[in-house]
PDB file of N, CA and C in Angstrom:
ATOM      1  N   MET A   1     -52.823  45.337 -28.349  1.00  0.00           N
ATOM      2  CA  MET A   1     -51.473  45.821 -28.251  1.00  0.00           C
ATOM      3  C   MET A   1     -50.537  44.621 -28.128  1.00  0.00           C
ATOM      4  N   LYS A   2     -49.531  44.548 -28.974  1.00  0.00           N
ATOM      5  CA  LYS A   2     -48.584  43.439 -28.970  1.00  0.00           C
ATOM      6  C   LYS A   2     -47.269  43.873 -28.350  1.00  0.00           C
ATOM      7  N   TYR A   3     -46.726  42.983 -27.520  1.00  0.00           N
ATOM      8  CA  TYR A   3     -45.443  43.251 -26.875  1.00  0.00           C
ATOM      9  C   TYR A   3     -44.388  42.386 -27.526  1.00  0.00           C
ATOM     10  N   GLN A   4     -43.211  42.957 -27.670  1.00  0.00           N
ATOM     11  CA  GLN A   4     -42.106  42.172 -28.214  1.00  0.00           C
ATOM     12  C   GLN A   4     -41.575  41.235 -27.146  1.00  0.00           C
ATOM     13  N   ARG A   5     -41.074  40.096 -27.589  1.00  0.00           N
ATOM     14  CA  ARG A   5     -40.509  39.119 -26.670  1.00  0.00           C
ATOM     15  C   ARG A   5     -39.091  38.807 -27.133  1.00  0.00           C
ATOM     16  N   GLY A   6     -38.279  38.386 -26.177  1.00  0.00           N
ATOM     17  CA  GLY A   6     -36.907  38.028 -26.520  1.00  0.00           C
ATOM     18  C   GLY A   6     -35.910  38.675 -25.570  1.00  0.00           C
ATOM     19  N   VAL A   7     -34.652  38.511 -25.908  1.00  0.00           N
ATOM     20  CA  VAL A   7     -33.582  39.026 -25.070  1.00  0.00           C
ATOM     21  C   VAL A   7     -33.142  40.377 -25.619  1.00  0.00           C
ATOM     22  N   SER A   8     -32.988  41.331 -24.727  1.00  0.00           N
ATOM     23  CA  SER A   8     -32.555  42.658 -25.144  1.00  0.00           C
ATOM     24  C   SER A   8     -31.032  42.703 -25.293  1.00  0.00           C
ATOM     25  N   LEU A   9     -30.540  43.739 -25.886  1.00  0.00           N
ATOM     26  CA  LEU A   9     -29.101  43.914 -26.038  1.00  0.00           C
ATOM     27  C   LEU A   9     -28.425  44.003 -24.680  1.00  0.00           C
ATOM     28  N   ASN A  10     -29.057  44.677 -23.725  1.00  0.00           N
ATOM     29  CA  ASN A  10     -28.497  44.749 -22.371  1.00  0.00           C
ATOM     30  C   ASN A  10     -28.403  43.366 -21.736  1.00  0.00           C
ATOM     31  N   GLY A  11     -29.401  42.547 -21.928  1.00  0.00           N
ATOM     32  CA  GLY A  11     -29.387  41.186 -21.393  1.00  0.00           C
ATOM     33  C   GLY A  11     -28.268  40.354 -21.990  1.00  0.00           C
ATOM     34  N   ILE A  12     -28.048  40.500 -23.285  1.00  0.00           N
ATOM     35  CA  ILE A  12     -26.964  39.767 -23.949  1.00  0.00           C
ATOM     36  C   ILE A  12     -25.606  40.236 -23.426  1.00  0.00           C
ATOM     37  N   MET A  13     -25.444  41.551 -23.237  1.00  0.00           N
ATOM     38  CA  MET A  13     -24.166  42.080 -22.754  1.00  0.00           C
ATOM     39  C   MET A  13     -23.890  41.634 -21.319  1.00  0.00           C
ATOM     40  N   ILE A  14     -24.887  41.686 -20.462  1.00  0.00           N
ATOM     41  CA  ILE A  14     -24.703  41.256 -19.070  1.00  0.00           C
ATOM     42  C   ILE A  14     -24.392  39.766 -19.025  1.00  0.00           C
ATOM     43  N   GLY A  15     -25.103  38.985 -19.807  1.00  0.00           N
ATOM     44  CA  GLY A  15     -24.834  37.548 -19.872  1.00  0.00           C
ATOM     45  C   GLY A  15     -23.439  37.251 -20.394  1.00  0.00           C
ATOM     46  N   GLY A  16     -22.979  38.019 -21.382  1.00  0.00           N
ATOM     47  CA  GLY A  16     -21.633  37.837 -21.920  1.00  0.00           C
ATOM     48  C   GLY A  16     -20.561  38.155 -20.908  1.00  0.00           C
ATOM     49  N   VAL A  17     -20.763  39.210 -20.138  1.00  0.00           N
ATOM     50  CA  VAL A  17     -19.795  39.576 -19.098  1.00  0.00           C
ATOM     51  C   VAL A  17     -19.749  38.495 -18.020  1.00  0.00           C
ATOM     52  N   MET A  18     -20.906  37.996 -17.621  1.00  0.00           N
ATOM     53  CA  MET A  18     -20.943  36.945 -16.611  1.00  0.00           C
ATOM     54  C   MET A  18     -20.278  35.671 -17.128  1.00  0.00           C
ATOM     55  N   LEU A  19     -20.525  35.323 -18.366  1.00  0.00           N
ATOM     56  CA  LEU A  19     -19.890  34.158 -18.964  1.00  0.00           C
ATOM     57  C   LEU A  19     -18.375  34.345 -19.049  1.00  0.00           C
ATOM     58  N   GLY A  20     -17.931  35.545 -19.362  1.00  0.00           N
ATOM     59  CA  GLY A  20     -16.494  35.843 -19.410  1.00  0.00           C
ATOM     60  C   GLY A  20     -15.827  35.696 -18.047  1.00  0.00           C
ATOM     61  N   ILE A  21     -16.495  36.157 -16.992  1.00  0.00           N
ATOM     62  CA  ILE A  21     -15.948  36.036 -15.641  1.00  0.00           C
ATOM     63  C   ILE A  21     -15.837  34.568 -15.236  1.00  0.00           C
ATOM     64  N   VAL A  22     -16.869  33.794 -15.523  1.00  0.00           N
ATOM     65  CA  VAL A  22     -16.840  32.367 -15.197  1.00  0.00           C
ATOM     66  C   VAL A  22     -15.737  31.665 -15.989  1.00  0.00           C
ATOM     67  N   ALA A  23     -15.580  32.007 -17.261  1.00  0.00           N
ATOM     68  CA  ALA A  23     -14.527  31.401 -18.086  1.00  0.00           C
ATOM     69  C   ALA A  23     -13.142  31.767 -17.554  1.00  0.00           C
ATOM     70  N   LEU A  24     -12.952  33.022 -17.129  1.00  0.00           N
ATOM     71  CA  LEU A  24     -11.674  33.445 -16.558  1.00  0.00           C
ATOM     72  C   LEU A  24     -11.357  32.658 -15.295  1.00  0.00           C
ATOM     73  N   LEU A  25     -12.337  32.515 -14.416  1.00  0.00           N
ATOM     74  CA  LEU A  25     -12.125  31.751 -13.190  1.00  0.00           C
ATOM     75  C   LEU A  25     -11.779  30.296 -13.506  1.00  0.00           C
ATOM     76  N   PHE A  26     -12.496  29.702 -14.437  1.00  0.00           N
ATOM     77  CA  PHE A  26     -12.223  28.311 -14.797  1.00  0.00           C
ATOM     78  C   PHE A  26     -10.816  28.154 -15.361  1.00  0.00           C
ATOM     79  N   MET A  27     -10.393  29.069 -16.216  1.00  0.00           N
ATOM     80  CA  MET A  27      -9.054  28.967 -16.821  1.00  0.00           C
ATOM     81  C   MET A  27      -7.943  29.172 -15.793  1.00  0.00           C
ATOM     82  N   LYS A  28      -8.212  29.903 -14.730  1.00  0.00           N
ATOM     83  CA  LYS A  28      -7.214  30.111 -13.690  1.00  0.00           C
ATOM     84  C   LYS A  28      -7.196  28.967 -12.672  1.00  0.00           C
ATOM     85  N   ILE A  29      -8.372  28.389 -12.387  1.00  0.00           N
ATOM     86  CA  ILE A  29      -8.495  27.371 -11.346  1.00  0.00           C
ATOM     87  C   ILE A  29      -8.198  25.967 -11.853  1.00  0.00           C
ATOM     88  N   ALA A  30      -8.622  25.642 -13.045  1.00  0.00           N
ATOM     89  CA  ALA A  30      -8.499  24.277 -13.571  1.00  0.00           C
ATOM     90  C   ALA A  30      -7.068  23.738 -13.540  1.00  0.00           C
ATOM     91  N   PRO A  31      -6.041  24.495 -13.956  1.00  0.00           N
ATOM     92  CA  PRO A  31      -4.683  23.939 -13.910  1.00  0.00           C
ATOM     93  C   PRO A  31      -4.220  23.575 -12.497  1.00  0.00           C
ATOM     94  N   GLU A  32      -4.666  24.315 -11.490  1.00  0.00           N
ATOM     95  CA  GLU A  32      -4.271  24.012 -10.115  1.00  0.00           C
ATOM     96  C   GLU A  32      -4.854  22.676  -9.660  1.00  0.00           C
ATOM     97  N   TYR A  33      -6.113  22.434  -9.986  1.00  0.00           N
ATOM     98  CA  TYR A  33      -6.732  21.168  -9.607  1.00  0.00           C
ATOM     99  C   TYR A  33      -6.189  20.010 -10.430  1.00  0.00           C
ATOM    100  N   MET A  34      -5.821  20.268 -11.665  1.00  0.00           N
ATOM    101  CA  MET A  34      -5.212  19.211 -12.474  1.00  0.00           C
ATOM    102  C   MET A  34      -3.847  18.829 -11.908  1.00  0.00           C
ATOM    103  N   GLU A  35      -3.067  19.819 -11.474  1.00  0.00           N
ATOM    104  CA  GLU A  35      -1.773  19.516 -10.876  1.00  0.00           C
ATOM    105  C   GLU A  35      -1.951  18.791  -9.541  1.00  0.00           C
ATOM    106  N   TYR A  36      -2.956  19.174  -8.764  1.00  0.00           N
ATOM    107  CA  TYR A  36      -3.246  18.473  -7.515  1.00  0.00           C
ATOM    108  C   TYR A  36      -3.559  16.995  -7.796  1.00  0.00           C
ATOM    109  N   GLY A  37      -4.320  16.736  -8.833  1.00  0.00           N
ATOM    110  CA  GLY A  37      -4.606  15.355  -9.212  1.00  0.00           C
ATOM    111  C   GLY A  37      -3.341  14.594  -9.567  1.00  0.00           C
ATOM    112  N   ASN A  38      -2.412  15.250 -10.265  1.00  0.00           N
ATOM    113  CA  ASN A  38      -1.132  14.621 -10.602  1.00  0.00           C
ATOM    114  C   ASN A  38      -0.301  14.354  -9.346  1.00  0.00           C
ATOM    115  N   VAL A  39      -0.353  15.273  -8.379  1.00  0.00           N
ATOM    116  CA  VAL A  39       0.381  15.084  -7.126  1.00  0.00           C
ATOM    117  C   VAL A  39      -0.166  13.869  -6.381  1.00  0.00           C
ATOM    118  N   VAL A  40      -1.483  13.775  -6.283  1.00  0.00           N
ATOM    119  CA  VAL A  40      -2.099  12.641  -5.586  1.00  0.00           C
ATOM    120  C   VAL A  40      -1.731  11.337  -6.284  1.00  0.00           C
ATOM    121  N   LYS A  41      -1.777  11.338  -7.606  1.00  0.00           N
ATOM    122  CA  LYS A  41      -1.437  10.134  -8.360  1.00  0.00           C
ATOM    123  C   LYS A  41       0.019   9.737  -8.126  1.00  0.00           C
ATOM    124  N   ALA A  42       0.925  10.702  -8.152  1.00  0.00           N
ATOM    125  CA  ALA A  42       2.348  10.413  -7.943  1.00  0.00           C
ATOM    126  C   ALA A  42       2.615   9.920  -6.524  1.00  0.00           C
ATOM    127  N   VAL A  43       1.960  10.521  -5.532  1.00  0.00           N
ATOM    128  CA  VAL A  43       2.149  10.112  -4.142  1.00  0.00           C
ATOM    129  C   VAL A  43       1.630   8.692  -3.932  1.00  0.00           C
ATOM    130  N   LYS A  44       0.443   8.406  -4.447  1.00  0.00           N
ATOM    131  CA  LYS A  44      -0.129   7.071  -4.263  1.00  0.00           C
ATOM    132  C   LYS A  44       0.669   6.002  -4.996  1.00  0.00           C
ATOM    133  N   SER A  45       1.147   6.314  -6.199  1.00  0.00           N
ATOM    134  CA  SER A  45       1.930   5.309  -6.927  1.00  0.00           C
ATOM    135  C   SER A  45       3.301   5.105  -6.282  1.00  0.00           C
ATOM    136  N   THR A  46       3.864   6.147  -5.701  1.00  0.00           N
ATOM    137  CA  THR A  46       5.135   6.000  -4.987  1.00  0.00           C
ATOM    138  C   THR A  46       4.943   5.153  -3.736  1.00  0.00           C
ATOM    139  N   ALA A  47       3.881   5.420  -2.984  1.00  0.00           N
ATOM    140  CA  ALA A  47       3.629   4.658  -1.757  1.00  0.00           C
ATOM    141  C   ALA A  47       3.268   3.205  -2.068  1.00  0.00           C
ATOM    142  N   GLY A  48       2.644   2.974  -3.213  1.00  0.00           N
ATOM    143  CA  GLY A  48       2.243   1.621  -3.566  1.00  0.00           C
ATOM    144  C   GLY A  48       3.314   0.813  -4.286  1.00  0.00           C
ATOM    145  N   ASP A  49       4.460   1.408  -4.544  1.00  0.00           N
ATOM    146  CA  ASP A  49       5.543   0.714  -5.241  1.00  0.00           C
ATOM    147  C   ASP A  49       6.134  -0.362  -4.329  1.00  0.00           C
ATOM    148  N   ALA A  50       6.050  -1.595  -4.770  1.00  0.00           N
ATOM    149  CA  ALA A  50       6.524  -2.718  -3.953  1.00  0.00           C
ATOM    150  C   ALA A  50       8.026  -2.677  -3.725  1.00  0.00           C
ATOM    151  N   SER A  51       8.786  -2.104  -4.651  1.00  0.00           N
ATOM    152  CA  SER A  51      10.236  -2.050  -4.493  1.00  0.00           C
ATOM    153  C   SER A  51      10.667  -1.062  -3.409  1.00  0.00           C
ATOM    154  N   LEU A  52       9.750  -0.201  -2.959  1.00  0.00           N
ATOM    155  CA  LEU A  52      10.078   0.789  -1.930  1.00  0.00           C
ATOM    156  C   LEU A  52       9.575   0.386  -0.547  1.00  0.00           C
ATOM    157  N   LYS A  53       9.151  -0.851  -0.390  1.00  0.00           N
ATOM    158  CA  LYS A  53       8.579  -1.285   0.886  1.00  0.00           C
ATOM    159  C   LYS A  53       9.563  -1.132   2.039  1.00  0.00           C
ATOM    160  N   ASP A  54      10.813  -1.504   1.830  1.00  0.00           N
ATOM    161  CA  ASP A  54      11.834  -1.396   2.877  1.00  0.00           C
ATOM    162  C   ASP A  54      12.872  -0.322   2.551  1.00  0.00           C
ATOM    163  N   ALA A  55      12.483   0.653   1.762  1.00  0.00           N
ATOM    164  CA  ALA A  55      13.420   1.695   1.328  1.00  0.00           C
ATOM    165  C   ALA A  55      13.573   2.769   2.399  1.00  0.00           C
ATOM    166  N   SER A  56      14.653   3.494   2.286  1.00  0.00           N
ATOM    167  CA  SER A  56      14.880   4.613   3.201  1.00  0.00           C
ATOM    168  C   SER A  56      14.049   5.819   2.753  1.00  0.00           C
ATOM    169  N   VAL A  57      13.978   6.812   3.614  1.00  0.00           N
ATOM    170  CA  VAL A  57      13.233   8.032   3.295  1.00  0.00           C
ATOM    171  C   VAL A  57      13.827   8.714   2.072  1.00  0.00           C
ATOM    172  N   ALA A  58      15.148   8.736   1.976  1.00  0.00           N
ATOM    173  CA  ALA A  58      15.810   9.361   0.826  1.00  0.00           C
ATOM    174  C   ALA A  58      15.457   8.644  -0.481  1.00  0.00           C
ATOM    175  N   GLN A  59      15.364   7.331  -0.441  1.00  0.00           N
ATOM    176  CA  GLN A  59      15.006   6.583  -1.645  1.00  0.00           C
ATOM    177  C   GLN A  59      13.560   6.848  -2.048  1.00  0.00           C
ATOM    178  N   VAL A  60      12.676   6.977  -1.081  1.00  0.00           N
ATOM    179  CA  VAL A  60      11.274   7.284  -1.373  1.00  0.00           C
ATOM    180  C   VAL A  60      11.165   8.681  -1.977  1.00  0.00           C
ATOM    181  N   ARG A  61      11.902   9.629  -1.408  1.00  0.00           N
ATOM    182  CA  ARG A  61      11.894  10.994  -1.954  1.00  0.00           C
ATOM    183  C   ARG A  61      12.417  11.017  -3.390  1.00  0.00           C
ATOM    184  N   THR A  62      13.450  10.264  -3.666  1.00  0.00           N
ATOM    185  CA  THR A  62      14.002  10.196  -5.025  1.00  0.00           C
ATOM    186  C   THR A  62      12.992   9.584  -5.988  1.00  0.00           C
ATOM    187  N   ALA A  63      12.291   8.533  -5.552  1.00  0.00           N
ATOM    188  CA  ALA A  63      11.279   7.908  -6.401  1.00  0.00           C
ATOM    189  C   ALA A  63      10.148   8.881  -6.708  1.00  0.00           C
ATOM    190  N   TYR A  64       9.710   9.649  -5.705  1.00  0.00           N
ATOM    191  CA  TYR A  64       8.678  10.657  -5.942  1.00  0.00           C
ATOM    192  C   TYR A  64       9.196  11.739  -6.891  1.00  0.00           C
ATOM    193  N   ALA A  65      10.431  12.176  -6.707  1.00  0.00           N
ATOM    194  CA  ALA A  65      10.996  13.234  -7.552  1.00  0.00           C
ATOM    195  C   ALA A  65      11.002  12.811  -9.015  1.00  0.00           C
ATOM    196  N   LYS A  66      11.287  11.546  -9.276  1.00  0.00           N
ATOM    197  CA  LYS A  66      11.268  11.056 -10.663  1.00  0.00           C
ATOM    198  C   LYS A  66       9.853  11.094 -11.232  1.00  0.00           C
ATOM    199  N   ARG A  67       8.879  10.671 -10.442  1.00  0.00           N
ATOM    200  CA  ARG A  67       7.486  10.712 -10.904  1.00  0.00           C
ATOM    201  C   ARG A  67       7.017  12.162 -11.085  1.00  0.00           C
ATOM    202  N   ALA A  68       7.425  13.041 -10.189  1.00  0.00           N
ATOM    203  CA  ALA A  68       7.032  14.445 -10.280  1.00  0.00           C
ATOM    204  C   ALA A  68       7.627  15.094 -11.526  1.00  0.00           C
ATOM    205  N   GLU A  69       8.828  14.705 -11.872  1.00  0.00           N
ATOM    206  CA  GLU A  69       9.445  15.260 -13.079  1.00  0.00           C
ATOM    207  C   GLU A  69       8.704  14.794 -14.329  1.00  0.00           C
ATOM    208  N   ILE A  70       8.298  13.550 -14.346  1.00  0.00           N
ATOM    209  CA  ILE A  70       7.558  13.020 -15.496  1.00  0.00           C
ATOM    210  C   ILE A  70       6.206  13.717 -15.643  1.00  0.00           C
ATOM    211  N   ASP A  71       5.512  13.931 -14.519  1.00  0.00           N
ATOM    212  CA  ASP A  71       4.191  14.560 -14.543  1.00  0.00           C
ATOM    213  C   ASP A  71       4.257  16.085 -14.522  1.00  0.00           C
ATOM    214  N   ASN A  72       5.460  16.651 -14.548  1.00  0.00           N
ATOM    215  CA  ASN A  72       5.660  18.104 -14.564  1.00  0.00           C
ATOM    216  C   ASN A  72       5.007  18.780 -13.349  1.00  0.00           C
ATOM    217  N   ILE A  73       5.261  18.225 -12.176  1.00  0.00           N
ATOM    218  CA  ILE A  73       4.726  18.774 -10.924  1.00  0.00           C
ATOM    219  C   ILE A  73       5.714  19.802 -10.384  1.00  0.00           C
ATOM    220  N   LYS A  74       5.261  21.041 -10.261  1.00  0.00           N
ATOM    221  CA  LYS A  74       6.118  22.126  -9.789  1.00  0.00           C
ATOM    222  C   LYS A  74       5.742  22.597  -8.378  1.00  0.00           C
ATOM    223  N   SER A  75       4.527  22.309  -7.926  1.00  0.00           N
ATOM    224  CA  SER A  75       4.027  22.851  -6.663  1.00  0.00           C
ATOM    225  C   SER A  75       4.559  22.149  -5.428  1.00  0.00           C
ATOM    226  N   LEU A  76       4.907  20.890  -5.561  1.00  0.00           N
ATOM    227  CA  LEU A  76       5.288  20.098  -4.398  1.00  0.00           C
ATOM    228  C   LEU A  76       6.573  19.346  -4.709  1.00  0.00           C
ATOM    229  N   SER A  77       7.625  19.680  -3.976  1.00  0.00           N
ATOM    230  CA  SER A  77       8.899  18.993  -4.189  1.00  0.00           C
ATOM    231  C   SER A  77       8.997  17.815  -3.239  1.00  0.00           C
ATOM    232  N   GLU A  78       9.996  16.991  -3.456  1.00  0.00           N
ATOM    233  CA  GLU A  78      10.184  15.808  -2.611  1.00  0.00           C
ATOM    234  C   GLU A  78      10.524  16.174  -1.171  1.00  0.00           C
ATOM    235  N   LYS A  79      11.048  17.378  -0.955  1.00  0.00           N
ATOM    236  CA  LYS A  79      11.394  17.818   0.400  1.00  0.00           C
ATOM    237  C   LYS A  79      10.157  18.135   1.229  1.00  0.00           C
ATOM    238  N   ASP A  80       9.035  18.382   0.571  1.00  0.00           N
ATOM    239  CA  ASP A  80       7.800  18.762   1.253  1.00  0.00           C
ATOM    240  C   ASP A  80       6.961  17.564   1.692  1.00  0.00           C
ATOM    241  N   LEU A  81       7.401  16.359   1.411  1.00  0.00           N
ATOM    242  CA  LEU A  81       6.644  15.167   1.753  1.00  0.00           C
ATOM    243  C   LEU A  81       6.895  14.747   3.189  1.00  0.00           C
ATOM    244  N   ASP A  82       5.866  14.243   3.858  1.00  0.00           N
ATOM    245  CA  ASP A  82       5.983  13.670   5.192  1.00  0.00           C
ATOM    246  C   ASP A  82       5.852  12.158   5.028  1.00  0.00           C
ATOM    247  N   ILE A  83       6.957  11.439   5.218  1.00  0.00           N
ATOM    248  CA  ILE A  83       7.005  10.007   4.947  1.00  0.00           C
ATOM    249  C   ILE A  83       7.085   9.241   6.268  1.00  0.00           C
ATOM    250  N   THR A  84       6.117   8.339   6.471  1.00  0.00           N
ATOM    251  CA  THR A  84       6.075   7.518   7.679  1.00  0.00           C
ATOM    252  C   THR A  84       5.703   6.086   7.303  1.00  0.00           C
ATOM    253  N   LYS A  85       5.819   5.216   8.280  1.00  0.00           N
ATOM    254  CA  LYS A  85       5.351   3.835   8.120  1.00  0.00           C
ATOM    255  C   LYS A  85       4.311   3.569   9.197  1.00  0.00           C
ATOM    256  N   GLU A  86       3.165   3.079   8.763  1.00  0.00           N
ATOM    257  CA  GLU A  86       2.092   2.748   9.693  1.00  0.00           C
ATOM    258  C   GLU A  86       1.680   1.299   9.447  1.00  0.00           C
ATOM    259  N   GLY A  87       1.943   0.456  10.417  1.00  0.00           N
ATOM    260  CA  GLY A  87       1.590  -0.944  10.282  1.00  0.00           C
ATOM    261  C   GLY A  87       2.337  -1.642   9.163  1.00  0.00           C
ATOM    262  N   GLY A  88       3.568  -1.268   8.949  1.00  0.00           N
ATOM    263  CA  GLY A  88       4.364  -1.873   7.881  1.00  0.00           C
ATOM    264  C   GLY A  88       4.052  -1.322   6.506  1.00  0.00           C
ATOM    265  N   GLU A  89       3.148  -0.364   6.422  1.00  0.00           N
ATOM    266  CA  GLU A  89       2.760   0.237   5.143  1.00  0.00           C
ATOM    267  C   GLU A  89       3.356   1.640   5.031  1.00  0.00           C
ATOM    268  N   LEU A  90       3.881   1.949   3.872  1.00  0.00           N
ATOM    269  CA  LEU A  90       4.465   3.261   3.613  1.00  0.00           C
ATOM    270  C   LEU A  90       3.343   4.286   3.434  1.00  0.00           C
ATOM    271  N   VAL A  91       3.382   5.355   4.215  1.00  0.00           N
ATOM    272  CA  VAL A  91       2.366   6.415   4.132  1.00  0.00           C
ATOM    273  C   VAL A  91       3.079   7.723   3.814  1.00  0.00           C
ATOM    274  N   ILE A  92       2.649   8.352   2.728  1.00  0.00           N
ATOM    275  CA  ILE A  92       3.208   9.640   2.311  1.00  0.00           C
ATOM    276  C   ILE A  92       2.089  10.667   2.393  1.00  0.00           C
ATOM    277  N   SER A  93       2.309  11.725   3.150  1.00  0.00           N
ATOM    278  CA  SER A  93       1.321  12.795   3.239  1.00  0.00           C
ATOM    279  C   SER A  93       1.967  14.113   2.817  1.00  0.00           C
ATOM    280  N   PHE A  94       1.111  15.054   2.428  1.00  0.00           N
ATOM    281  CA  PHE A  94       1.606  16.345   1.939  1.00  0.00           C
ATOM    282  C   PHE A  94       0.566  17.427   2.193  1.00  0.00           C
ATOM    283  N   ALA A  95       1.026  18.655   2.181  1.00  0.00           N
ATOM    284  CA  ALA A  95       0.167  19.833   2.269  1.00  0.00           C
ATOM    285  C   ALA A  95       0.925  20.994   1.648  1.00  0.00           C
ATOM    286  N   TYR A  96       0.217  21.757   0.827  1.00  0.00           N
ATOM    287  CA  TYR A  96       0.844  22.933   0.226  1.00  0.00           C
ATOM    288  C   TYR A  96      -0.220  23.968  -0.123  1.00  0.00           C
ATOM    289  N   THR A  97       0.208  25.190  -0.315  1.00  0.00           N
ATOM    290  CA  THR A  97      -0.679  26.308  -0.616  1.00  0.00           C
ATOM    291  C   THR A  97      -0.293  26.903  -1.962  1.00  0.00           C
ATOM    292  N   ARG A  98      -1.301  27.229  -2.747  1.00  0.00           N
ATOM    293  CA  ARG A  98      -1.068  27.894  -4.037  1.00  0.00           C
ATOM    294  C   ARG A  98      -1.864  29.195  -4.069  1.00  0.00           C
ATOM    295  N   LYS A  99      -1.222  30.260  -4.511  1.00  0.00           N
ATOM    296  CA  LYS A  99      -1.870  31.562  -4.664  1.00  0.00           C
ATOM    297  C   LYS A  99      -1.978  31.847  -6.155  1.00  0.00           C
ATOM    298  N   VAL A 100      -3.205  32.040  -6.621  1.00  0.00           N
ATOM    299  CA  VAL A 100      -3.458  32.266  -8.041  1.00  0.00           C
ATOM    300  C   VAL A 100      -3.937  33.706  -8.231  1.00  0.00           C
ATOM    301  N   PRO A 101      -3.145  34.547  -8.880  1.00  0.00           N
ATOM    302  CA  PRO A 101      -3.584  35.931  -9.119  1.00  0.00           C
ATOM    303  C   PRO A 101      -4.675  35.978 -10.185  1.00  0.00           C
ATOM    304  N   LEU A 102      -5.747  36.721  -9.920  1.00  0.00           N
ATOM    305  CA  LEU A 102      -6.819  36.879 -10.905  1.00  0.00           C
ATOM    306  C   LEU A 102      -6.616  38.155 -11.719  1.00  0.00           C
ATOM    307  N   PHE A 103      -6.636  39.291 -11.042  1.00  0.00           N
ATOM    308  CA  PHE A 103      -6.364  40.571 -11.680  1.00  0.00           C
ATOM    309  C   PHE A 103      -6.025  41.589 -10.603  1.00  0.00           C
ATOM    310  N   LYS A 104      -5.163  42.518 -10.941  1.00  0.00           N
ATOM    311  CA  LYS A 104      -4.667  43.553 -10.024  1.00  0.00           C
ATOM    312  C   LYS A 104      -4.333  42.976  -8.658  1.00  0.00           C
ATOM    313  N   ASN A 105      -5.071  43.367  -7.612  1.00  0.00           N
ATOM    314  CA  ASN A 105      -4.759  42.915  -6.263  1.00  0.00           C
ATOM    315  C   ASN A 105      -5.721  41.834  -5.769  1.00  0.00           C
ATOM    316  N   VAL A 106      -6.378  41.137  -6.678  1.00  0.00           N
ATOM    317  CA  VAL A 106      -7.317  40.071  -6.318  1.00  0.00           C
ATOM    318  C   VAL A 106      -6.689  38.721  -6.641  1.00  0.00           C
ATOM    319  N   SER A 107      -6.632  37.844  -5.637  1.00  0.00           N
ATOM    320  CA  SER A 107      -6.038  36.514  -5.807  1.00  0.00           C
ATOM    321  C   SER A 107      -6.911  35.472  -5.127  1.00  0.00           C
ATOM    322  N   LEU A 108      -6.749  34.233  -5.567  1.00  0.00           N
ATOM    323  CA  LEU A 108      -7.371  33.094  -4.905  1.00  0.00           C
ATOM    324  C   LEU A 108      -6.272  32.284  -4.237  1.00  0.00           C
ATOM    325  N   VAL A 109      -6.536  31.787  -3.035  1.00  0.00           N
ATOM    326  CA  VAL A 109      -5.568  30.971  -2.319  1.00  0.00           C
ATOM    327  C   VAL A 109      -6.174  29.586  -2.111  1.00  0.00           C
ATOM    328  N   PHE A 110      -5.427  28.553  -2.494  1.00  0.00           N
ATOM    329  CA  PHE A 110      -5.861  27.173  -2.356  1.00  0.00           C
ATOM    330  C   PHE A 110      -4.946  26.462  -1.372  1.00  0.00           C
ATOM    331  N   ASP A 111      -5.520  25.721  -0.441  1.00  0.00           N
ATOM    332  CA  ASP A 111      -4.771  24.884   0.486  1.00  0.00           C
ATOM    333  C   ASP A 111      -5.060  23.435   0.118  1.00  0.00           C
ATOM    334  N   PHE A 112      -4.068  22.762  -0.437  1.00  0.00           N
ATOM    335  CA  PHE A 112      -4.209  21.379  -0.835  1.00  0.00           C
ATOM    336  C   PHE A 112      -3.509  20.486   0.177  1.00  0.00           C
ATOM    337  N   GLU A 113      -4.104  19.342   0.475  1.00  0.00           N
ATOM    338  CA  GLU A 113      -3.455  18.363   1.340  1.00  0.00           C
ATOM    339  C   GLU A 113      -3.985  16.981   0.962  1.00  0.00           C
ATOM    340  N   GLY A 114      -3.194  15.980   1.306  1.00  0.00           N
ATOM    341  CA  GLY A 114      -3.598  14.613   1.001  1.00  0.00           C
ATOM    342  C   GLY A 114      -2.595  13.631   1.557  1.00  0.00           C
ATOM    343  N   ALA A 115      -2.913  12.373   1.394  1.00  0.00           N
ATOM    344  CA  ALA A 115      -2.033  11.301   1.851  1.00  0.00           C
ATOM    345  C   ALA A 115      -2.264  10.084   0.978  1.00  0.00           C
ATOM    346  N   SER A 116      -1.301   9.193   0.989  1.00  0.00           N
ATOM    347  CA  SER A 116      -1.375   8.019   0.147  1.00  0.00           C
ATOM    348  C   SER A 116      -2.375   6.991   0.652  1.00  0.00           C
ATOM    349  N   ASN A 117      -2.760   7.066   1.907  1.00  0.00           N
ATOM    350  CA  ASN A 117      -3.682   6.076   2.456  1.00  0.00           C
ATOM    351  C   ASN A 117      -5.128   6.552   2.470  1.00  0.00           C
ATOM    352  N   LYS A 118      -5.437   7.671   1.844  1.00  0.00           N
ATOM    353  CA  LYS A 118      -6.818   8.195   1.819  1.00  0.00           C
ATOM    354  C   LYS A 118      -7.506   7.796   0.551  1.00  0.00           C
TER     355      LYS A 118
END
């Protein structure tokens, strides 16, 4: 007696649905992490700018706002930055929350935070 081997139609359909769910999650999550990467890059480059070493808080915020506009950062404005000096070094820290709707009443919430000295 010979048995057939291979994937059944039900197996293909279940696998396709699972692949679709993973693809949906990736398409919803990836832009948030990409923007977080842009925020970290903008914060670190602003803090590392030698021309801002003795600048006021308003000047640092303006410099970040220019970088954020170039990188199309919408999640974190210059008003949300915590700007301090530690040991003569400019330290910029931030924290923000993003809510990403998946479908109907299901959402993902991300809490992002970082600092220029990390």
